[in-house]
Amino acid sequence: MRALVQRVREAHVDVIDGESRERVGQVGPGVCVLVGVTHDDTEAEAARLAEKIVDLRIFPDAEGVMNLSLADAGGAALVVSQFTLYGDTTRGRRPGWSAAARPEHAEPLVEAVVAGLQGRGIDVATGRFRTDMEVLIVNDGPCTLMLEV
């Protein structure tokens, strides 16, 4: 399981359907988390990933040092499923997607990450699985980290 975690000033996700657009998730200061799932990922890994996201010390303290966690800073999380985190670009110019889990396996695990964050008191907004989404991220810092469990 992989997550690209970006500290954000704000972020939102819109679902695009033809000419229509619907805002389905929005957060102020906190993190935007793009979550990728592979075939053998489990709920235990989803729980560890959520814990790691909450406890990651990437927010500045009073001295401007990255010493505070998402929970310490009182931030929110926008979680968006992102199968392309498992894109294989080792050969050719077109990524291969064979390492990305099928939606039937991935969706419950992304939901488990969301539940894990919420269980730790984090306000969470999400994208919508199996839709065309547009994500706006105002990266703070910028501060972007790749997590893998």
C-alpha atoms as a PDB file:
ATOM      1  CA  MET A   1       0.000   0.000   0.000  1.00  0.00           C
ATOM      2  CA  ARG A   2       1.344   3.402  -0.970  1.00  0.00           C
ATOM      3  CA  ALA A   3       0.350   6.938  -0.111  1.00  0.00           C
ATOM      4  CA  LEU A   4       1.584  10.227  -1.471  1.00  0.00           C
ATOM      5  CA  VAL A   5       1.061  12.664   1.402  1.00  0.00           C
ATOM      6  CA  GLN A   6       1.114  16.381   0.715  1.00  0.00           C
ATOM      7  CA  ARG A   7       0.856  19.023   3.406  1.00  0.00           C
ATOM      8  CA  VAL A   8      -1.736  21.472   2.098  1.00  0.00           C
ATOM      9  CA  ARG A   9      -3.148  24.877   2.875  1.00  0.00           C
ATOM     10  CA  GLU A  10      -6.332  23.650   1.211  1.00  0.00           C
ATOM     11  CA  ALA A  11      -7.468  20.957  -1.203  1.00  0.00           C
ATOM     12  CA  HIS A  12     -10.645  19.830  -2.888  1.00  0.00           C
ATOM     13  CA  VAL A  13     -11.822  17.150  -5.259  1.00  0.00           C
ATOM     14  CA  ASP A  14     -14.530  17.459  -7.906  1.00  0.00           C
ATOM     15  CA  VAL A  15     -16.166  14.586  -9.774  1.00  0.00           C
ATOM     16  CA  ILE A  16     -16.413  15.334 -13.494  1.00  0.00           C
ATOM     17  CA  ASP A  17     -19.216  13.771 -15.544  1.00  0.00           C
ATOM     18  CA  GLY A  18     -19.362  15.213 -19.044  1.00  0.00           C
ATOM     19  CA  GLU A  19     -20.150  18.884 -18.623  1.00  0.00           C
ATOM     20  CA  SER A  20     -21.208  18.591 -14.979  1.00  0.00           C
ATOM     21  CA  ARG A  21     -18.974  18.917 -11.956  1.00  0.00           C
ATOM     22  CA  GLU A  22     -19.694  18.104  -8.318  1.00  0.00           C
ATOM     23  CA  ARG A  23     -17.467  19.041  -5.361  1.00  0.00           C
ATOM     24  CA  VAL A  24     -17.364  15.862  -3.267  1.00  0.00           C
ATOM     25  CA  GLY A  25     -14.596  16.671  -0.789  1.00  0.00           C
ATOM     26  CA  GLN A  26     -12.818  19.708   0.574  1.00  0.00           C
ATOM     27  CA  VAL A  27     -10.380  20.467   3.400  1.00  0.00           C
ATOM     28  CA  GLY A  28      -8.582  23.485   4.773  1.00  0.00           C
ATOM     29  CA  PRO A  29      -5.126  23.126   6.319  1.00  0.00           C
ATOM     30  CA  GLY A  30      -3.955  19.526   6.641  1.00  0.00           C
ATOM     31  CA  VAL A  31      -2.962  16.853   4.147  1.00  0.00           C
ATOM     32  CA  CYS A  32      -4.018  15.501   0.799  1.00  0.00           C
ATOM     33  CA  VAL A  33      -3.413  11.757   0.675  1.00  0.00           C
ATOM     34  CA  LEU A  34      -3.369   9.908  -2.639  1.00  0.00           C
ATOM     35  CA  VAL A  35      -3.711   6.192  -1.807  1.00  0.00           C
ATOM     36  CA  GLY A  36      -2.644   3.303  -4.040  1.00  0.00           C
ATOM     37  CA  VAL A  37      -3.432  -0.352  -3.348  1.00  0.00           C
ATOM     38  CA  THR A  38      -1.764  -3.469  -4.736  1.00  0.00           C
ATOM     39  CA  HIS A  39      -3.022  -7.066  -4.864  1.00  0.00           C
ATOM     40  CA  ASP A  40      -1.740  -8.424  -1.552  1.00  0.00           C
ATOM     41  CA  ASP A  41      -2.536  -5.390   0.636  1.00  0.00           C
ATOM     42  CA  THR A  42      -4.614  -6.057   3.764  1.00  0.00           C
ATOM     43  CA  GLU A  43      -6.733  -4.219   6.316  1.00  0.00           C
ATOM     44  CA  ALA A  44      -3.822  -4.431   8.758  1.00  0.00           C
ATOM     45  CA  GLU A  45      -1.682  -2.469   6.291  1.00  0.00           C
ATOM     46  CA  ALA A  46      -4.477   0.058   5.809  1.00  0.00           C
ATOM     47  CA  ALA A  47      -4.596   0.565   9.588  1.00  0.00           C
ATOM     48  CA  ARG A  48      -0.791   1.008   9.740  1.00  0.00           C
ATOM     49  CA  LEU A  49      -0.910   3.487   6.885  1.00  0.00           C
ATOM     50  CA  ALA A  50      -3.603   5.551   8.618  1.00  0.00           C
ATOM     51  CA  GLU A  51      -1.584   5.549  11.842  1.00  0.00           C
ATOM     52  CA  LYS A  52       1.535   6.634   9.992  1.00  0.00           C
ATOM     53  CA  ILE A  53      -0.326   9.483   8.273  1.00  0.00           C
ATOM     54  CA  VAL A  54      -1.760  10.776  11.555  1.00  0.00           C
ATOM     55  CA  ASP A  55       1.571  10.579  13.406  1.00  0.00           C
ATOM     56  CA  LEU A  56       3.831  11.896  10.624  1.00  0.00           C
ATOM     57  CA  ARG A  57       5.555  14.997  12.022  1.00  0.00           C
ATOM     58  CA  ILE A  58       5.379  17.361   9.044  1.00  0.00           C
ATOM     59  CA  PHE A  59       3.730  20.451  10.533  1.00  0.00           C
ATOM     60  CA  PRO A  60       5.747  23.356  11.937  1.00  0.00           C
ATOM     61  CA  ASP A  61       5.907  24.054  15.653  1.00  0.00           C
ATOM     62  CA  ALA A  62       6.216  27.564  17.155  1.00  0.00           C
ATOM     63  CA  GLU A  63       9.865  27.702  16.011  1.00  0.00           C
ATOM     64  CA  GLY A  64       9.012  26.639  12.461  1.00  0.00           C
ATOM     65  CA  VAL A  65      10.512  23.159  12.866  1.00  0.00           C
ATOM     66  CA  MET A  66       8.527  20.191  11.483  1.00  0.00           C
ATOM     67  CA  ASN A  67       7.692  18.693  14.880  1.00  0.00           C
ATOM     68  CA  LEU A  68       3.900  18.454  14.882  1.00  0.00           C
ATOM     69  CA  SER A  69       1.703  15.657  13.583  1.00  0.00           C
ATOM     70  CA  LEU A  70      -1.586  16.048  11.751  1.00  0.00           C
ATOM     71  CA  ALA A  71      -3.390  15.420  15.045  1.00  0.00           C
ATOM     72  CA  ASP A  72      -1.189  17.940  16.916  1.00  0.00           C
ATOM     73  CA  ALA A  73      -1.810  20.592  14.255  1.00  0.00           C
ATOM     74  CA  GLY A  74      -5.562  19.967  14.161  1.00  0.00           C
ATOM     75  CA  GLY A  75      -5.491  19.434  10.411  1.00  0.00           C
ATOM     76  CA  ALA A  76      -7.902  17.582   8.157  1.00  0.00           C
ATOM     77  CA  ALA A  77      -7.260  14.993   5.435  1.00  0.00           C
ATOM     78  CA  LEU A  78      -8.507  14.719   1.874  1.00  0.00           C
ATOM     79  CA  VAL A  79      -8.129  11.061   0.815  1.00  0.00           C
ATOM     80  CA  VAL A  80      -8.287  10.167  -2.873  1.00  0.00           C
ATOM     81  CA  SER A  81      -7.817   6.709  -4.363  1.00  0.00           C
ATOM     82  CA  GLN A  82      -4.957   6.737  -6.876  1.00  0.00           C
ATOM     83  CA  PHE A  83      -4.278   3.465  -8.693  1.00  0.00           C
ATOM     84  CA  THR A  84      -1.600   5.183 -10.798  1.00  0.00           C
ATOM     85  CA  LEU A  85       0.749   5.102  -7.777  1.00  0.00           C
ATOM     86  CA  TYR A  86       1.338   1.494  -8.863  1.00  0.00           C
ATOM     87  CA  GLY A  87       2.071   2.378 -12.472  1.00  0.00           C
ATOM     88  CA  ASP A  88       5.129   0.551 -13.809  1.00  0.00           C
ATOM     89  CA  THR A  89       7.294   2.775 -16.010  1.00  0.00           C
ATOM     90  CA  THR A  90      10.392   0.567 -16.214  1.00  0.00           C
ATOM     91  CA  ARG A  91       9.828  -0.354 -19.869  1.00  0.00           C
ATOM     92  CA  GLY A  92       8.602   1.683 -22.766  1.00  0.00           C
ATOM     93  CA  ARG A  93       6.645   4.903 -22.587  1.00  0.00           C
ATOM     94  CA  ARG A  94       3.251   3.598 -21.575  1.00  0.00           C
ATOM     95  CA  PRO A  95       2.848   2.714 -17.874  1.00  0.00           C
ATOM     96  CA  GLY A  96       1.706  -0.777 -16.988  1.00  0.00           C
ATOM     97  CA  TRP A  97      -1.040  -1.145 -14.390  1.00  0.00           C
ATOM     98  CA  SER A  98      -0.706  -4.822 -13.462  1.00  0.00           C
ATOM     99  CA  ALA A  99       0.535  -4.053  -9.924  1.00  0.00           C
ATOM    100  CA  ALA A 100      -2.549  -1.950  -9.121  1.00  0.00           C
ATOM    101  CA  ALA A 101      -5.313  -3.806  -7.308  1.00  0.00           C
ATOM    102  CA  ARG A 102      -8.717  -4.261  -8.923  1.00  0.00           C
ATOM    103  CA  PRO A 103     -11.345  -1.834  -7.631  1.00  0.00           C
ATOM    104  CA  GLU A 104     -13.165  -4.603  -5.733  1.00  0.00           C
ATOM    105  CA  HIS A 105     -10.036  -5.150  -3.611  1.00  0.00           C
ATOM    106  CA  ALA A 106      -8.827  -1.541  -3.448  1.00  0.00           C
ATOM    107  CA  GLU A 107     -12.016   0.295  -2.497  1.00  0.00           C
ATOM    108  CA  PRO A 108     -12.550  -1.382   0.912  1.00  0.00           C
ATOM    109  CA  LEU A 109      -8.896  -0.796   1.789  1.00  0.00           C
ATOM    110  CA  VAL A 110      -9.039   2.895   0.907  1.00  0.00           C
ATOM    111  CA  GLU A 111     -12.187   3.066   3.051  1.00  0.00           C
ATOM    112  CA  ALA A 112     -10.236   1.356   5.855  1.00  0.00           C
ATOM    113  CA  VAL A 113      -7.576   4.081   5.660  1.00  0.00           C
ATOM    114  CA  VAL A 114     -10.334   6.699   5.927  1.00  0.00           C
ATOM    115  CA  ALA A 115     -11.867   4.875   8.918  1.00  0.00           C
ATOM    116  CA  GLY A 116      -8.446   4.668  10.569  1.00  0.00           C
ATOM    117  CA  LEU A 117      -7.933   8.412  10.214  1.00  0.00           C
ATOM    118  CA  GLN A 118     -11.428   9.149  11.514  1.00  0.00           C
ATOM    119  CA  GLY A 119     -10.854   6.766  14.418  1.00  0.00           C
ATOM    120  CA  ARG A 120      -7.918   8.927  15.449  1.00  0.00           C
ATOM    121  CA  GLY A 121     -10.077  12.067  15.431  1.00  0.00           C
ATOM    122  CA  ILE A 122      -9.122  13.437  12.020  1.00  0.00           C
ATOM    123  CA  ASP A 123     -11.767  15.170   9.900  1.00  0.00           C
ATOM    124  CA  VAL A 124     -11.688  13.391   6.538  1.00  0.00           C
ATOM    125  CA  ALA A 125     -13.070  14.280   3.123  1.00  0.00           C
ATOM    126  CA  THR A 126     -12.800  11.878   0.194  1.00  0.00           C
ATOM    127  CA  GLY A 127     -12.983  11.554  -3.519  1.00  0.00           C
ATOM    128  CA  ARG A 128     -15.387   9.122  -5.144  1.00  0.00           C
ATOM    129  CA  PHE A 129     -14.166   5.729  -6.296  1.00  0.00           C
ATOM    130  CA  ARG A 130     -14.437   4.795 -10.003  1.00  0.00           C
ATOM    131  CA  THR A 131     -15.098   8.341 -11.212  1.00  0.00           C
ATOM    132  CA  ASP A 132     -13.191  10.935 -13.182  1.00  0.00           C
ATOM    133  CA  MET A 133     -11.902  13.370 -10.570  1.00  0.00           C
ATOM    134  CA  GLU A 134     -10.146  16.702 -10.605  1.00  0.00           C
ATOM    135  CA  VAL A 135      -8.071  17.413  -7.491  1.00  0.00           C
ATOM    136  CA  LEU A 136      -6.907  20.909  -6.584  1.00  0.00           C
ATOM    137  CA  ILE A 137      -4.048  20.961  -4.112  1.00  0.00           C
ATOM    138  CA  VAL A 138      -2.444  24.056  -2.624  1.00  0.00           C
ATOM    139  CA  ASN A 139       0.757  22.400  -1.418  1.00  0.00           C
ATOM    140  CA  ASP A 140       2.183  23.985   1.745  1.00  0.00           C
ATOM    141  CA  GLY A 141       5.947  24.180   1.837  1.00  0.00           C
ATOM    142  CA  PRO A 142       5.932  22.362  -0.500  1.00  0.00           C
ATOM    143  CA  CYS A 143       6.046  19.258   1.641  1.00  0.00           C
ATOM    144  CA  THR A 144       5.363  15.956  -0.149  1.00  0.00           C
ATOM    145  CA  LEU A 145       6.282  12.464   1.093  1.00  0.00           C
ATOM    146  CA  MET A 146       5.787   8.939  -0.245  1.00  0.00           C
ATOM    147  CA  LEU A 147       4.767   6.370   2.363  1.00  0.00           C
ATOM    148  CA  GLU A 148       4.766   2.631   1.832  1.00  0.00           C
ATOM    149  CA  VAL A 149       3.636  -0.055   4.266  1.00  0.00           C
END
